[in-house]
Amino acid sequence: MATEYRNYAFQSRANRWQDWANLILAIWLFISPWVLQFGAVQATNAGNGPPVAVSHAAWNAWVLGVIVFLVALSAIGNIDVRQEWWNMVLGAWVFVAPWVLGFVGLSRASWDHWIVGALVFLFAIWSLSRLGNAPTTVATPPVGSRPPRGPAGSP
């Protein structure tokens, strides 16, 4: 009876540059509304309403920047396949957000989201493809040993 275990700690931490790249991308995504100036306060109702309507692009960048940062930090501290799947989902959302949230007209914000989303998504795919090449450990019982018995002496 052979049991096969997948070893998800497939490479040393020094070779996991994708997690560090996602961390940097998350920081960039968070500060990009200020750097690219699409997080500025917009006047509403032609100056008649309250002048505090921040664009959907800025809010999406701030919120997703924090979430991608936390997932990347988690991936740096603990190699697990779940972080890569989360990064895929988050990268896909960041990429499609300009269309879904309706800020395609803000070219700086749109291009920022498309580039960061694509990179986060591609780094996650890259890491997941490396998981498929992970070394496999096979545990076999010693020759002549009996298989373990179930509870209460059942076979």
Protein backbone atom coordinates (compact mmCIF):
# COMPACT_ATOMS: atom_id res chain seq x y z
CA MET A 1 0.00 0.00 0.00
CA ALA A 2 1.61 3.23 -1.13
CA THR A 3 0.50 6.68 -0.14
CA GLU A 4 1.45 9.65 -2.24
CA TYR A 5 1.95 13.06 -0.67
CA ARG A 6 2.43 16.29 -2.57
CA ASN A 7 5.09 18.54 -1.18
CA TYR A 8 3.87 22.12 -1.72
CA ALA A 9 7.02 23.65 -0.24
CA PHE A 10 8.50 23.13 -3.67
CA GLN A 11 11.38 25.54 -3.55
CA SER A 12 13.32 27.67 -1.16
CA ARG A 13 11.97 31.03 -0.06
CA ALA A 14 14.71 32.86 -1.96
CA ASN A 15 13.30 31.55 -5.25
CA ARG A 16 9.74 32.77 -4.54
CA TRP A 17 10.19 36.15 -6.16
CA GLN A 18 6.58 36.13 -7.43
CA ASP A 19 5.29 36.70 -3.89
CA TRP A 20 7.62 39.64 -3.41
CA ALA A 21 6.63 41.03 -6.81
CA ASN A 22 2.95 40.82 -5.82
CA LEU A 23 3.76 42.63 -2.58
CA ILE A 24 5.37 45.47 -4.55
CA LEU A 25 2.48 45.52 -7.04
CA ALA A 26 0.02 45.78 -4.13
CA ILE A 27 1.90 48.75 -2.69
CA TRP A 28 1.93 50.38 -6.12
CA LEU A 29 -1.80 49.72 -6.61
CA PHE A 30 -2.52 51.35 -3.24
CA ILE A 31 -0.51 54.52 -3.90
CA SER A 32 -1.30 54.78 -7.63
CA PRO A 33 -4.44 56.94 -7.20
CA TRP A 34 -2.25 59.69 -5.75
CA VAL A 35 0.75 59.16 -8.03
CA LEU A 36 -1.31 58.95 -11.23
CA GLN A 37 -3.83 61.52 -9.93
CA PHE A 38 -7.02 59.56 -10.42
CA GLY A 39 -7.86 59.56 -6.72
CA ALA A 40 -8.58 63.28 -6.61
CA VAL A 41 -11.80 64.56 -5.14
CA GLN A 42 -14.43 65.23 -7.80
CA ALA A 43 -17.19 67.82 -7.57
CA THR A 44 -20.70 66.40 -7.95
CA ASN A 45 -23.89 67.94 -9.38
CA ALA A 46 -21.95 70.69 -11.19
CA GLY A 47 -20.78 72.21 -7.90
CA ASN A 48 -24.21 72.07 -6.20
CA GLY A 49 -23.59 68.87 -4.26
CA PRO A 50 -21.01 68.00 -1.68
CA PRO A 51 -17.51 68.04 -3.24
CA VAL A 52 -16.40 64.67 -1.89
CA ALA A 53 -17.00 61.97 -4.49
CA VAL A 54 -13.86 59.89 -4.91
CA SER A 55 -13.80 57.79 -8.07
CA HIS A 56 -14.56 54.07 -8.10
CA ALA A 57 -11.10 53.56 -9.57
CA ALA A 58 -9.41 55.02 -6.51
CA TRP A 59 -11.51 53.03 -4.04
CA ASN A 60 -10.92 49.84 -5.99
CA ALA A 61 -7.16 50.51 -6.03
CA TRP A 62 -7.06 51.19 -2.29
CA VAL A 63 -9.16 48.20 -1.24
CA LEU A 64 -7.62 45.72 -3.66
CA GLY A 65 -4.15 47.05 -2.90
CA VAL A 66 -4.63 46.16 0.77
CA ILE A 67 -6.11 42.73 -0.01
CA VAL A 68 -3.39 41.78 -2.52
CA PHE A 69 -0.80 43.02 0.00
CA LEU A 70 -2.21 40.78 2.75
CA VAL A 71 -2.39 37.74 0.46
CA ALA A 72 1.18 38.33 -0.75
CA LEU A 73 2.40 38.76 2.83
CA SER A 74 0.66 35.53 3.75
CA ALA A 75 2.28 33.76 0.80
CA ILE A 76 5.71 35.00 1.84
CA GLY A 77 5.22 33.64 5.35
CA ASN A 78 3.63 30.33 4.39
CA ILE A 79 3.74 28.53 1.07
CA ASP A 80 0.28 27.24 0.31
CA VAL A 81 -1.58 26.74 -2.93
CA ARG A 82 -4.55 28.79 -1.68
CA GLN A 83 -2.67 32.09 -1.84
CA GLU A 84 -1.93 31.53 -5.51
CA TRP A 85 -5.60 30.82 -6.25
CA TRP A 86 -6.58 33.98 -4.36
CA ASN A 87 -4.02 35.97 -6.33
CA MET A 88 -5.50 34.62 -9.56
CA VAL A 89 -8.99 35.76 -8.55
CA LEU A 90 -7.78 39.14 -7.29
CA GLY A 91 -5.66 39.73 -10.39
CA ALA A 92 -8.62 38.90 -12.62
CA TRP A 93 -10.85 41.30 -10.67
CA VAL A 94 -8.32 44.14 -10.84
CA PHE A 95 -8.06 43.55 -14.60
CA VAL A 96 -11.82 43.62 -15.30
CA ALA A 97 -12.65 46.36 -12.76
CA PRO A 98 -12.44 49.26 -15.25
CA TRP A 99 -15.29 47.73 -17.26
CA VAL A 100 -17.33 46.46 -14.33
CA LEU A 101 -17.04 49.64 -12.27
CA GLY A 102 -17.28 51.92 -15.31
CA PHE A 103 -14.06 53.88 -15.18
CA VAL A 104 -12.67 52.93 -18.60
CA GLY A 105 -12.81 56.63 -19.47
CA LEU A 106 -10.08 57.33 -16.90
CA SER A 107 -7.16 56.16 -19.01
CA ARG A 108 -4.52 56.34 -16.27
CA ALA A 109 -6.67 54.38 -13.85
CA SER A 110 -7.69 51.84 -16.47
CA TRP A 111 -4.16 51.15 -17.68
CA ASP A 112 -2.93 50.95 -14.11
CA HIS A 113 -5.59 48.35 -13.28
CA TRP A 114 -5.03 46.38 -16.49
CA ILE A 115 -1.26 46.16 -16.03
CA VAL A 116 -1.29 45.38 -12.30
CA GLY A 117 -4.18 42.90 -12.65
CA ALA A 118 -2.49 41.07 -15.51
CA LEU A 119 0.83 40.85 -13.65
CA VAL A 120 -0.74 39.57 -10.40
CA PHE A 121 -2.74 37.02 -12.40
CA LEU A 122 0.29 35.88 -14.43
CA PHE A 123 2.52 35.57 -11.36
CA ALA A 124 -0.15 33.38 -9.73
CA ILE A 125 -0.40 31.19 -12.84
CA TRP A 126 3.38 30.93 -12.90
CA SER A 127 3.49 29.84 -9.25
CA LEU A 128 0.68 27.32 -9.78
CA SER A 129 2.47 25.86 -12.79
CA ARG A 130 5.55 25.41 -10.61
CA LEU A 131 3.39 23.54 -8.08
CA GLY A 132 2.56 21.00 -10.77
CA ASN A 133 6.28 20.29 -11.07
CA ALA A 134 6.68 19.85 -7.32
CA PRO A 135 8.64 16.86 -6.13
CA THR A 136 6.47 13.99 -5.01
CA THR A 137 7.19 12.00 -1.86
CA VAL A 138 5.97 8.42 -1.78
CA ALA A 139 5.63 6.68 1.57
CA THR A 140 5.54 2.89 1.52
CA PRO A 141 5.39 0.62 4.54
CA PRO A 142 8.42 -1.54 5.31
CA VAL A 143 8.55 -4.97 3.68
CA GLY A 144 6.68 -7.57 5.73
CA SER A 145 4.71 -5.08 7.83
CA ARG A 146 0.99 -5.35 8.32
CA PRO A 147 -1.42 -2.66 7.19
CA PRO A 148 -2.79 -0.54 10.06
CA ARG A 149 -6.01 -1.71 11.68
CA GLY A 150 -9.08 0.44 12.01
CA PRO A 151 -10.72 1.43 15.34
CA ALA A 152 -11.82 -1.24 17.81
CA GLY A 153 -9.93 -4.02 16.05
CA SER A 154 -11.87 -3.82 12.79
CA PRO A 155 -9.90 -4.80 9.68
